[in-house]
């Protein structure tokens, strides 16, 4: 039995390992295989996100996190900083459950929109979010913050045409 609950500070040591495990999915895409070994959010970054944002985990039957989502305040709502599901628990609907939880909480809080940045053409990225109602923002629709986020991702090594910002109006 799994449950979604708020992230606790004692969960933080597990979160980088979950994100690293999730990144192994990129090994099947030769031009992005390097992402599997890329840096993940540090424990310090998770503590910061927990202080300023809203974070949840999917906890397994032993109450240990096996997936997480970290959300921070955005310009017009909330921005999804990271969604990760441990490789052993992928394709079980945990990412979808976390996203639906965040969408419901955001609606209850009166949030105007959710935003995120992601890969445009990878099945578990933009197409996944599109099935949840997110749409790709055109360049002229990007806020300065989202544009800066995409620019930072390009500086990190991603091709600009492979990345996009998405929004879900609530």
C-alpha atoms as a PDB file:
ATOM      1  CA  UNK A   1       0.000   0.000   0.000  1.00  0.00           C
ATOM      2  CA  UNK A   2       1.313   3.430  -0.920  1.00  0.00           C
ATOM      3  CA  UNK A   3       0.296   6.867   0.246  1.00  0.00           C
ATOM      4  CA  UNK A   4       0.978  10.453  -0.718  1.00  0.00           C
ATOM      5  CA  UNK A   5       2.043  12.646   2.162  1.00  0.00           C
ATOM      6  CA  UNK A   6       3.913  15.861   2.799  1.00  0.00           C
ATOM      7  CA  UNK A   7       7.676  15.538   2.650  1.00  0.00           C
ATOM      8  CA  UNK A   8       9.345  15.463   6.060  1.00  0.00           C
ATOM      9  CA  UNK A   9      12.862  16.648   6.789  1.00  0.00           C
ATOM     10  CA  UNK A  10      13.782  13.041   7.659  1.00  0.00           C
ATOM     11  CA  UNK A  11      12.857  12.058   4.053  1.00  0.00           C
ATOM     12  CA  UNK A  12      15.401  14.396   2.487  1.00  0.00           C
ATOM     13  CA  UNK A  13      18.396  11.995   2.521  1.00  0.00           C
ATOM     14  CA  UNK A  14      16.399   9.580   0.310  1.00  0.00           C
ATOM     15  CA  UNK A  15      15.337  12.133  -2.310  1.00  0.00           C
ATOM     16  CA  UNK A  16      18.619  12.590  -4.245  1.00  0.00           C
ATOM     17  CA  UNK A  17      18.880   8.787  -4.588  1.00  0.00           C
ATOM     18  CA  UNK A  18      15.316   8.632  -5.941  1.00  0.00           C
ATOM     19  CA  UNK A  19      16.095  11.353  -8.488  1.00  0.00           C
ATOM     20  CA  UNK A  20      19.348   9.650  -9.492  1.00  0.00           C
ATOM     21  CA  UNK A  21      17.524   6.344  -9.945  1.00  0.00           C
ATOM     22  CA  UNK A  22      14.812   8.047 -12.005  1.00  0.00           C
ATOM     23  CA  UNK A  23      17.479   9.544 -14.250  1.00  0.00           C
ATOM     24  CA  UNK A  24      18.590   6.085 -15.338  1.00  0.00           C
ATOM     25  CA  UNK A  25      15.635   6.097 -17.751  1.00  0.00           C
ATOM     26  CA  UNK A  26      17.704   8.436 -19.956  1.00  0.00           C
ATOM     27  CA  UNK A  27      20.221   5.671 -20.681  1.00  0.00           C
ATOM     28  CA  UNK A  28      17.926   4.416 -23.460  1.00  0.00           C
ATOM     29  CA  UNK A  29      18.311   7.741 -25.317  1.00  0.00           C
ATOM     30  CA  UNK A  30      21.918   7.842 -26.572  1.00  0.00           C
ATOM     31  CA  UNK A  31      22.155  11.635 -26.953  1.00  0.00           C
ATOM     32  CA  UNK A  32      20.823  12.106 -23.400  1.00  0.00           C
ATOM     33  CA  UNK A  33      22.535   9.185 -21.647  1.00  0.00           C
ATOM     34  CA  UNK A  34      24.728  11.726 -19.822  1.00  0.00           C
ATOM     35  CA  UNK A  35      21.624  12.893 -17.925  1.00  0.00           C
ATOM     36  CA  UNK A  36      21.675   9.581 -16.025  1.00  0.00           C
ATOM     37  CA  UNK A  37      24.915  10.703 -14.354  1.00  0.00           C
ATOM     38  CA  UNK A  38      24.015  14.377 -14.081  1.00  0.00           C
ATOM     39  CA  UNK A  39      23.794  16.187 -10.765  1.00  0.00           C
ATOM     40  CA  UNK A  40      20.538  15.920  -8.847  1.00  0.00           C
ATOM     41  CA  UNK A  41      19.017  18.285  -6.326  1.00  0.00           C
ATOM     42  CA  UNK A  42      21.186  18.242  -3.218  1.00  0.00           C
ATOM     43  CA  UNK A  43      19.889  17.708   0.295  1.00  0.00           C
ATOM     44  CA  UNK A  44      20.443  21.436   0.906  1.00  0.00           C
ATOM     45  CA  UNK A  45      18.329  22.285  -2.156  1.00  0.00           C
ATOM     46  CA  UNK A  46      15.588  19.937  -0.947  1.00  0.00           C
ATOM     47  CA  UNK A  47      15.633  21.616   2.489  1.00  0.00           C
ATOM     48  CA  UNK A  48      15.317  25.005   0.774  1.00  0.00           C
ATOM     49  CA  UNK A  49      12.405  23.769  -1.369  1.00  0.00           C
ATOM     50  CA  UNK A  50      10.715  22.358   1.712  1.00  0.00           C
ATOM     51  CA  UNK A  51      11.066  25.752   3.427  1.00  0.00           C
ATOM     52  CA  UNK A  52       9.818  27.903   0.537  1.00  0.00           C
ATOM     53  CA  UNK A  53       7.564  25.557  -1.372  1.00  0.00           C
ATOM     54  CA  UNK A  54       5.416  22.524  -1.109  1.00  0.00           C
ATOM     55  CA  UNK A  55       6.782  19.021  -1.395  1.00  0.00           C
ATOM     56  CA  UNK A  56       5.191  15.602  -1.290  1.00  0.00           C
ATOM     57  CA  UNK A  57       6.364  12.018  -1.457  1.00  0.00           C
ATOM     58  CA  UNK A  58       4.805   8.728  -2.364  1.00  0.00           C
ATOM     59  CA  UNK A  59       5.578   6.561   0.643  1.00  0.00           C
ATOM     60  CA  UNK A  60       5.758   2.791   0.322  1.00  0.00           C
ATOM     61  CA  UNK A  61       4.322   0.221   2.725  1.00  0.00           C
ATOM     62  CA  UNK A  62       7.216   0.977   5.134  1.00  0.00           C
ATOM     63  CA  UNK A  63       6.589   4.752   4.917  1.00  0.00           C
ATOM     64  CA  UNK A  64       9.794   5.267   2.920  1.00  0.00           C
ATOM     65  CA  UNK A  65       9.715   7.640  -0.057  1.00  0.00           C
ATOM     66  CA  UNK A  66       9.826   6.034  -3.508  1.00  0.00           C
ATOM     67  CA  UNK A  67       8.789   9.139  -5.492  1.00  0.00           C
ATOM     68  CA  UNK A  68       8.627  12.863  -4.848  1.00  0.00           C
ATOM     69  CA  UNK A  69       7.485  16.157  -6.245  1.00  0.00           C
ATOM     70  CA  UNK A  70       8.920  19.539  -5.252  1.00  0.00           C
ATOM     71  CA  UNK A  71       6.956  22.685  -6.027  1.00  0.00           C
ATOM     72  CA  UNK A  72       8.022  26.286  -5.450  1.00  0.00           C
ATOM     73  CA  UNK A  73       6.249  29.610  -5.803  1.00  0.00           C
ATOM     74  CA  UNK A  74       6.196  30.851  -9.396  1.00  0.00           C
ATOM     75  CA  UNK A  75       5.265  34.178 -10.938  1.00  0.00           C
ATOM     76  CA  UNK A  76       1.563  33.490 -11.405  1.00  0.00           C
ATOM     77  CA  UNK A  77       1.175  30.359  -9.358  1.00  0.00           C
ATOM     78  CA  UNK A  78       3.350  27.379  -8.578  1.00  0.00           C
ATOM     79  CA  UNK A  79       6.302  25.956 -10.486  1.00  0.00           C
ATOM     80  CA  UNK A  80       7.090  22.244 -10.450  1.00  0.00           C
ATOM     81  CA  UNK A  81      10.796  22.101  -9.755  1.00  0.00           C
ATOM     82  CA  UNK A  82      11.201  18.320  -9.863  1.00  0.00           C
ATOM     83  CA  UNK A  83       9.156  15.140 -10.187  1.00  0.00           C
ATOM     84  CA  UNK A  84      11.021  11.858  -9.739  1.00  0.00           C
ATOM     85  CA  UNK A  85       9.989   8.232  -9.348  1.00  0.00           C
ATOM     86  CA  UNK A  86      12.516   5.568  -8.334  1.00  0.00           C
ATOM     87  CA  UNK A  87      13.338   3.288 -11.282  1.00  0.00           C
ATOM     88  CA  UNK A  88      11.920   0.248  -9.456  1.00  0.00           C
ATOM     89  CA  UNK A  89       8.555   1.987  -9.093  1.00  0.00           C
ATOM     90  CA  UNK A  90       8.181   3.601 -12.521  1.00  0.00           C
ATOM     91  CA  UNK A  91       5.219   2.853 -14.801  1.00  0.00           C
ATOM     92  CA  UNK A  92       2.936   2.253 -11.817  1.00  0.00           C
ATOM     93  CA  UNK A  93       1.102   5.589 -11.927  1.00  0.00           C
ATOM     94  CA  UNK A  94       3.030   7.184  -9.052  1.00  0.00           C
ATOM     95  CA  UNK A  95       4.132  10.232 -11.060  1.00  0.00           C
ATOM     96  CA  UNK A  96       0.579  10.741 -12.293  1.00  0.00           C
ATOM     97  CA  UNK A  97      -0.753  10.400  -8.732  1.00  0.00           C
ATOM     98  CA  UNK A  98       1.702  13.022  -7.455  1.00  0.00           C
ATOM     99  CA  UNK A  99       0.823  15.390 -10.286  1.00  0.00           C
ATOM    100  CA  UNK A 100      -2.905  14.963  -9.690  1.00  0.00           C
ATOM    101  CA  UNK A 101      -2.342  15.591  -5.979  1.00  0.00           C
ATOM    102  CA  UNK A 102      -0.468  18.828  -6.697  1.00  0.00           C
ATOM    103  CA  UNK A 103      -3.137  19.961  -9.168  1.00  0.00           C
ATOM    104  CA  UNK A 104      -5.875  19.356  -6.596  1.00  0.00           C
ATOM    105  CA  UNK A 105      -3.972  21.118  -3.792  1.00  0.00           C
ATOM    106  CA  UNK A 106      -3.225  24.066  -6.097  1.00  0.00           C
ATOM    107  CA  UNK A 107      -6.907  24.374  -7.003  1.00  0.00           C
ATOM    108  CA  UNK A 108      -7.882  24.298  -3.325  1.00  0.00           C
ATOM    109  CA  UNK A 109      -5.359  27.071  -2.655  1.00  0.00           C
ATOM    110  CA  UNK A 110      -6.744  29.218  -5.465  1.00  0.00           C
ATOM    111  CA  UNK A 111      -3.549  29.004  -7.515  1.00  0.00           C
ATOM    112  CA  UNK A 112      -3.900  30.511 -11.000  1.00  0.00           C
ATOM    113  CA  UNK A 113      -1.527  28.164 -12.864  1.00  0.00           C
ATOM    114  CA  UNK A 114       1.125  25.491 -12.575  1.00  0.00           C
ATOM    115  CA  UNK A 115       4.276  25.710 -14.694  1.00  0.00           C
ATOM    116  CA  UNK A 116       7.252  23.468 -15.404  1.00  0.00           C
ATOM    117  CA  UNK A 117      10.075  22.970 -17.869  1.00  0.00           C
ATOM    118  CA  UNK A 118      10.727  19.615 -19.489  1.00  0.00           C
ATOM    119  CA  UNK A 119      11.856  17.729 -22.561  1.00  0.00           C
ATOM    120  CA  UNK A 120       9.604  18.384 -25.528  1.00  0.00           C
ATOM    121  CA  UNK A 121       9.674  14.950 -27.204  1.00  0.00           C
ATOM    122  CA  UNK A 122      10.386  12.363 -24.497  1.00  0.00           C
ATOM    123  CA  UNK A 123       7.321  10.247 -23.729  1.00  0.00           C
ATOM    124  CA  UNK A 124       7.549  10.596 -19.963  1.00  0.00           C
ATOM    125  CA  UNK A 125       8.039  14.361 -20.217  1.00  0.00           C
ATOM    126  CA  UNK A 126       5.947  16.828 -22.295  1.00  0.00           C
ATOM    127  CA  UNK A 127       3.545  14.183 -23.692  1.00  0.00           C
ATOM    128  CA  UNK A 128       2.920  12.927 -20.129  1.00  0.00           C
ATOM    129  CA  UNK A 129       2.185  16.438 -18.853  1.00  0.00           C
ATOM    130  CA  UNK A 130      -0.001  17.185 -21.892  1.00  0.00           C
ATOM    131  CA  UNK A 131      -2.219  14.235 -20.933  1.00  0.00           C
ATOM    132  CA  UNK A 132      -2.703  15.974 -17.576  1.00  0.00           C
ATOM    133  CA  UNK A 133      -3.839  19.181 -19.309  1.00  0.00           C
ATOM    134  CA  UNK A 134      -0.567  21.124 -19.538  1.00  0.00           C
ATOM    135  CA  UNK A 135       0.206  22.924 -22.782  1.00  0.00           C
ATOM    136  CA  UNK A 136       3.509  23.973 -24.284  1.00  0.00           C
ATOM    137  CA  UNK A 137       4.066  27.716 -24.059  1.00  0.00           C
ATOM    138  CA  UNK A 138       5.208  29.530 -27.187  1.00  0.00           C
ATOM    139  CA  UNK A 139       8.279  31.746 -26.864  1.00  0.00           C
ATOM    140  CA  UNK A 140       6.195  34.934 -26.795  1.00  0.00           C
ATOM    141  CA  UNK A 141       4.207  33.522 -23.829  1.00  0.00           C
ATOM    142  CA  UNK A 142       7.245  32.851 -21.644  1.00  0.00           C
ATOM    143  CA  UNK A 143       7.682  34.915 -18.521  1.00  0.00           C
ATOM    144  CA  UNK A 144      11.143  36.272 -17.819  1.00  0.00           C
ATOM    145  CA  UNK A 145      11.599  33.609 -15.133  1.00  0.00           C
ATOM    146  CA  UNK A 146      10.633  30.714 -17.426  1.00  0.00           C
ATOM    147  CA  UNK A 147      12.823  32.109 -20.218  1.00  0.00           C
ATOM    148  CA  UNK A 148      15.725  32.354 -17.770  1.00  0.00           C
ATOM    149  CA  UNK A 149      15.095  28.781 -16.589  1.00  0.00           C
ATOM    150  CA  UNK A 150      15.250  27.500 -20.169  1.00  0.00           C
ATOM    151  CA  UNK A 151      18.401  29.551 -20.839  1.00  0.00           C
ATOM    152  CA  UNK A 152      20.013  28.026 -17.742  1.00  0.00           C
ATOM    153  CA  UNK A 153      19.104  24.539 -18.967  1.00  0.00           C
ATOM    154  CA  UNK A 154      20.712  25.288 -22.340  1.00  0.00           C
ATOM    155  CA  UNK A 155      23.849  26.532 -20.577  1.00  0.00           C
ATOM    156  CA  UNK A 156      23.855  23.239 -18.682  1.00  0.00           C
ATOM    157  CA  UNK A 157      24.062  21.326 -21.965  1.00  0.00           C
ATOM    158  CA  UNK A 158      20.524  20.758 -23.215  1.00  0.00           C
ATOM    159  CA  UNK A 159      19.586  21.691 -26.783  1.00  0.00           C
ATOM    160  CA  UNK A 160      17.107  24.584 -26.736  1.00  0.00           C
ATOM    161  CA  UNK A 161      14.826  22.905 -29.260  1.00  0.00           C
ATOM    162  CA  UNK A 162      14.598  19.841 -26.997  1.00  0.00           C
ATOM    163  CA  UNK A 163      13.255  21.813 -24.020  1.00  0.00           C
ATOM    164  CA  UNK A 164       9.974  23.590 -23.408  1.00  0.00           C
ATOM    165  CA  UNK A 165       7.999  25.347 -20.718  1.00  0.00           C
ATOM    166  CA  UNK A 166       4.475  24.158 -20.042  1.00  0.00           C
ATOM    167  CA  UNK A 167       1.554  25.596 -18.111  1.00  0.00           C
ATOM    168  CA  UNK A 168      -1.701  24.319 -16.698  1.00  0.00           C
ATOM    169  CA  UNK A 169      -4.239  27.090 -16.093  1.00  0.00           C
ATOM    170  CA  UNK A 170      -6.332  26.376 -13.040  1.00  0.00           C
END
